[in-house]
């Protein structure tokens, strides 16, 4: 298919290997959303089987971790591996990226930032999301530290995503399109801006509370140690 017939911006973009999607936008979004929903439901079931029950909000957060693990590892990992040829793919994941790229064509051109950012996300953020989920399931002392680390990585990547597109003048998609710009680019990515910020705050509160308790016991130990030493010196 001629590269002039692709739906991406800018219109003069050369994509000689582009192949039109075989599924409609509705089919692609329904299929992928269904898979994400299944992952979330499985996570919900797993978190409900723990001996020490989680509160509703914590279970939702754990479902978020598992959804992130799936998206980072599978979807973004797919892009990291096949970015050079993805415009010609007819697989479900390939068509998800081709559909999303109608709002941000950088994914169709092996843009340097996108390739680096998505590769780091797939290799680091994906496994880290899995690790954070299981840390909470096992009650690990590292769980809030991992939550903080994961959320910072996600926030940093998302901020760079927005800023690099802003610097380019949002020229990689139709800014007057509700679906492609306001929903695909702005709304969907906003989840990885808002939720990590809330989880960073949550992590800080828990870590600070633990540090307060730790400082108290350290002060008590030092006080008793000083008293004992004073008694021995007499």
Protein backbone atom coordinates (compact mmCIF):
# COMPACT_ATOMS: atom_id res chain seq x y z
CA UNK A 1 0.00 0.00 0.00
CA UNK A 2 1.26 3.45 -0.85
CA UNK A 3 2.66 5.38 2.10
CA UNK A 4 0.52 8.38 0.98
CA UNK A 5 -2.64 6.51 2.04
CA UNK A 6 -1.78 6.06 5.70
CA UNK A 7 -3.83 7.96 8.34
CA UNK A 8 -0.89 9.44 10.26
CA UNK A 9 0.44 12.94 10.77
CA UNK A 10 2.18 14.79 9.31
CA UNK A 11 0.56 13.87 6.03
CA UNK A 12 3.88 13.69 4.19
CA UNK A 13 5.15 10.95 6.51
CA UNK A 14 6.83 8.11 4.59
CA UNK A 15 5.68 4.65 5.69
CA UNK A 16 6.31 2.35 2.69
CA UNK A 17 5.67 -0.79 4.76
CA UNK A 18 2.31 0.39 6.15
CA UNK A 19 -0.60 -2.05 5.95
CA UNK A 20 -4.12 -0.96 6.84
CA UNK A 21 -5.69 -2.52 9.92
CA UNK A 22 -7.98 -5.49 9.29
CA UNK A 23 -10.03 -4.69 12.41
CA UNK A 24 -12.11 -1.59 13.02
CA UNK A 25 -11.23 0.84 15.79
CA UNK A 26 -14.14 -0.48 17.85
CA UNK A 27 -13.01 -4.09 17.49
CA UNK A 28 -9.42 -3.27 18.43
CA UNK A 29 -10.40 -1.27 21.50
CA UNK A 30 -12.97 -3.87 22.61
CA UNK A 31 -10.55 -6.81 22.26
CA UNK A 32 -7.66 -5.13 24.02
CA UNK A 33 -9.86 -3.61 26.75
CA UNK A 34 -11.35 -7.06 27.35
CA UNK A 35 -7.88 -8.54 27.89
CA UNK A 36 -6.97 -5.73 30.30
CA UNK A 37 -10.26 -6.29 32.14
CA UNK A 38 -9.51 -10.02 32.46
CA UNK A 39 -6.08 -9.22 33.94
CA UNK A 40 -7.71 -6.82 36.42
CA UNK A 41 -10.38 -9.40 37.39
CA UNK A 42 -7.73 -12.09 37.95
CA UNK A 43 -5.77 -9.69 40.14
CA UNK A 44 -8.94 -8.86 42.07
CA UNK A 45 -9.61 -12.56 42.68
CA UNK A 46 -6.01 -13.22 43.76
CA UNK A 47 -5.97 -10.31 46.20
CA UNK A 48 -9.21 -11.51 47.76
CA UNK A 49 -7.68 -14.89 48.66
CA UNK A 50 -5.02 -13.47 50.97
CA UNK A 51 -5.31 -14.49 54.64
CA UNK A 52 -4.94 -10.90 55.88
CA UNK A 53 -7.54 -9.08 53.82
CA UNK A 54 -6.76 -5.89 51.92
CA UNK A 55 -9.11 -2.92 52.04
CA UNK A 56 -11.06 -2.05 48.88
CA UNK A 57 -8.72 0.76 47.87
CA UNK A 58 -5.58 -1.37 48.31
CA UNK A 59 -7.09 -4.14 46.18
CA UNK A 60 -7.79 -1.63 43.44
CA UNK A 61 -4.19 -0.41 43.65
CA UNK A 62 -2.93 -3.99 43.34
CA UNK A 63 -5.14 -4.49 40.29
CA UNK A 64 -3.50 -1.35 38.88
CA UNK A 65 -0.06 -2.89 39.41
CA UNK A 66 -1.03 -6.03 37.53
CA UNK A 67 -2.61 -4.09 34.67
CA UNK A 68 0.57 -1.99 34.46
CA UNK A 69 2.70 -5.13 34.51
CA UNK A 70 0.72 -6.53 31.58
CA UNK A 71 0.72 -3.31 29.55
CA UNK A 72 4.38 -2.50 30.19
CA UNK A 73 5.66 -6.01 29.56
CA UNK A 74 3.38 -7.25 26.77
CA UNK A 75 2.10 -4.22 24.86
CA UNK A 76 5.07 -1.90 25.27
CA UNK A 77 7.46 -4.82 25.06
CA UNK A 78 5.92 -5.66 21.68
CA UNK A 79 6.66 -2.16 20.45
CA UNK A 80 10.21 -2.26 21.79
CA UNK A 81 10.90 -5.43 19.80
CA UNK A 82 9.00 -4.70 16.57
CA UNK A 83 9.04 -0.89 16.33
CA UNK A 84 10.85 -0.89 12.97
CA UNK A 85 8.20 -3.01 11.23
CA UNK A 86 5.09 -2.44 13.33
CA UNK A 87 3.36 -0.33 10.65
CA UNK A 88 2.99 -3.48 8.57
CA UNK A 89 1.73 -5.80 11.33
CA UNK A 90 -1.75 -7.31 11.39
CA UNK A 91 -1.51 -8.91 14.86
CA UNK A 92 -3.78 -7.60 17.60
CA UNK A 93 -0.93 -5.86 19.42
CA UNK A 94 0.40 -4.43 16.16
CA UNK A 95 -3.03 -3.06 15.30
CA UNK A 96 -3.44 -1.62 18.81
CA UNK A 97 -0.27 0.41 18.20
CA UNK A 98 -1.37 1.40 14.70
CA UNK A 99 -4.71 2.55 16.08
CA UNK A 100 -3.12 4.52 18.94
CA UNK A 101 -0.59 6.05 16.54
CA UNK A 102 -3.39 7.90 14.80
CA UNK A 103 -3.01 10.25 17.75
CA UNK A 104 0.79 10.02 17.99
CA UNK A 105 2.61 8.85 14.87
CA UNK A 106 5.97 8.68 16.62
CA UNK A 107 5.23 5.02 17.25
CA UNK A 108 5.17 4.36 13.52
CA UNK A 109 8.54 5.96 12.76
CA UNK A 110 10.85 4.34 15.32
CA UNK A 111 11.21 7.74 16.99
CA UNK A 112 14.37 7.64 19.11
CA UNK A 113 12.69 8.84 22.29
CA UNK A 114 9.79 6.41 21.92
CA UNK A 115 12.04 3.42 21.31
CA UNK A 116 14.27 4.23 24.29
CA UNK A 117 11.41 5.13 26.61
CA UNK A 118 9.25 2.12 25.75
CA UNK A 119 12.19 -0.28 25.96
CA UNK A 120 13.08 1.00 29.44
CA UNK A 121 9.41 0.78 30.43
CA UNK A 122 9.12 -2.82 29.21
CA UNK A 123 12.41 -4.00 30.73
CA UNK A 124 12.27 -2.12 34.06
CA UNK A 125 8.74 -0.89 34.81
CA UNK A 126 7.01 -4.12 33.74
CA UNK A 127 8.96 -6.51 36.00
CA UNK A 128 8.94 -3.87 38.76
CA UNK A 129 5.13 -3.76 38.64
CA UNK A 130 4.99 -7.55 39.03
CA UNK A 131 7.49 -7.36 41.89
CA UNK A 132 5.51 -4.63 43.66
CA UNK A 133 2.29 -6.65 43.37
CA UNK A 134 3.86 -9.76 44.92
CA UNK A 135 5.63 -7.68 47.58
CA UNK A 136 2.23 -6.53 48.83
CA UNK A 137 0.79 -10.03 48.56
CA UNK A 138 3.60 -11.36 50.76
CA UNK A 139 3.61 -8.41 53.14
CA UNK A 140 7.22 -7.59 52.29
CA UNK A 141 8.93 -4.77 54.18
CA UNK A 142 9.96 -3.41 50.79
CA UNK A 143 6.45 -3.00 49.40
CA UNK A 144 6.08 0.77 49.82
CA UNK A 145 9.62 1.39 48.66
CA UNK A 146 8.88 -0.60 45.49
CA UNK A 147 5.59 1.26 45.05
CA UNK A 148 7.49 4.54 45.30
CA UNK A 149 10.16 3.40 42.81
CA UNK A 150 7.63 2.10 40.27
CA UNK A 151 5.47 5.22 40.51
CA UNK A 152 8.47 7.54 40.09
CA UNK A 153 9.57 5.63 36.98
CA UNK A 154 6.07 5.81 35.51
CA UNK A 155 5.66 9.49 36.34
CA UNK A 156 9.05 10.41 34.88
CA UNK A 157 8.36 8.56 31.63
CA UNK A 158 4.89 10.05 31.27
CA UNK A 159 6.08 13.61 31.92
CA UNK A 160 8.77 13.19 29.25
CA UNK A 161 6.15 11.76 26.87
CA UNK A 162 3.97 14.85 27.24
CA UNK A 163 6.83 17.35 27.16
CA UNK A 164 8.52 15.93 24.06
CA UNK A 165 5.22 15.98 22.18
CA UNK A 166 4.52 19.50 23.43
CA UNK A 167 7.96 20.66 22.29
CA UNK A 168 7.20 19.28 18.83
CA UNK A 169 3.95 21.23 18.78
CA UNK A 170 1.74 18.13 18.95
CA UNK A 171 2.33 17.70 15.23
CA UNK A 172 2.16 13.90 15.34
CA UNK A 173 -1.63 13.74 15.32
CA UNK A 174 -4.82 15.74 14.73
CA UNK A 175 -5.17 18.07 17.72
CA UNK A 176 -8.78 18.80 16.78
CA UNK A 177 -9.81 15.15 17.17
CA UNK A 178 -11.61 14.19 20.38
CA UNK A 179 -10.81 10.50 19.94
CA UNK A 180 -7.22 10.61 18.73
CA UNK A 181 -5.87 13.61 20.65
CA UNK A 182 -8.05 14.24 23.69
CA UNK A 183 -8.75 10.59 24.51
CA UNK A 184 -5.76 8.64 23.14
CA UNK A 185 -2.98 11.13 23.84
CA UNK A 186 -4.22 13.25 26.74
CA UNK A 187 -6.73 11.15 28.70
CA UNK A 188 -5.23 7.65 28.50
CA UNK A 189 -1.73 8.82 29.38
CA UNK A 190 -3.12 10.94 32.22
CA UNK A 191 -3.73 7.73 34.20
CA UNK A 192 0.07 7.27 34.39
CA UNK A 193 0.37 10.83 35.61
CA UNK A 194 -2.36 11.08 38.25
CA UNK A 195 -2.23 7.58 39.78
CA UNK A 196 1.57 7.50 40.26
CA UNK A 197 1.43 10.91 41.96
CA UNK A 198 -1.19 9.62 44.40
CA UNK A 199 0.82 6.45 45.03
CA UNK A 200 4.01 8.45 45.63
CA UNK A 201 2.15 10.44 48.28
CA UNK A 202 0.81 7.19 49.76
CA UNK A 203 4.32 5.70 49.83
CA UNK A 204 5.76 8.80 51.48
CA UNK A 205 3.12 8.69 54.22
CA UNK A 206 3.78 5.02 55.03
CA UNK A 207 7.58 5.31 54.85
CA UNK A 208 7.52 8.48 56.99
CA UNK A 209 5.31 6.75 59.57
CA UNK A 210 7.73 3.81 59.73
CA UNK A 211 10.66 6.19 60.08
CA UNK A 212 8.91 7.97 62.95
CA UNK A 213 8.48 4.65 64.80
CA UNK A 214 12.08 3.67 64.03
CA UNK A 215 13.40 7.01 65.31
CA UNK A 216 11.36 6.62 68.50
CA UNK A 217 12.85 3.20 69.31
CA UNK A 218 16.34 4.36 68.42
CA UNK A 219 15.95 7.34 70.77
CA UNK A 220 14.61 5.05 73.51
CA UNK A 221 17.52 2.65 73.05
CA UNK A 222 20.07 5.48 73.16
CA UNK A 223 18.42 6.94 76.27
CA UNK A 224 18.46 3.61 78.12
CA UNK A 225 22.00 2.91 76.96
CA UNK A 226 23.11 6.32 78.27
CA UNK A 227 21.41 5.67 81.64
CA UNK A 228 23.08 2.25 81.98
CA UNK A 229 26.46 3.70 81.15
CA UNK A 230 25.92 6.44 83.72
CA UNK A 231 25.05 3.87 86.40
CA UNK A 232 28.11 1.77 85.55
CA UNK A 233 30.37 4.82 85.77
CA UNK A 234 29.29 5.32 89.37
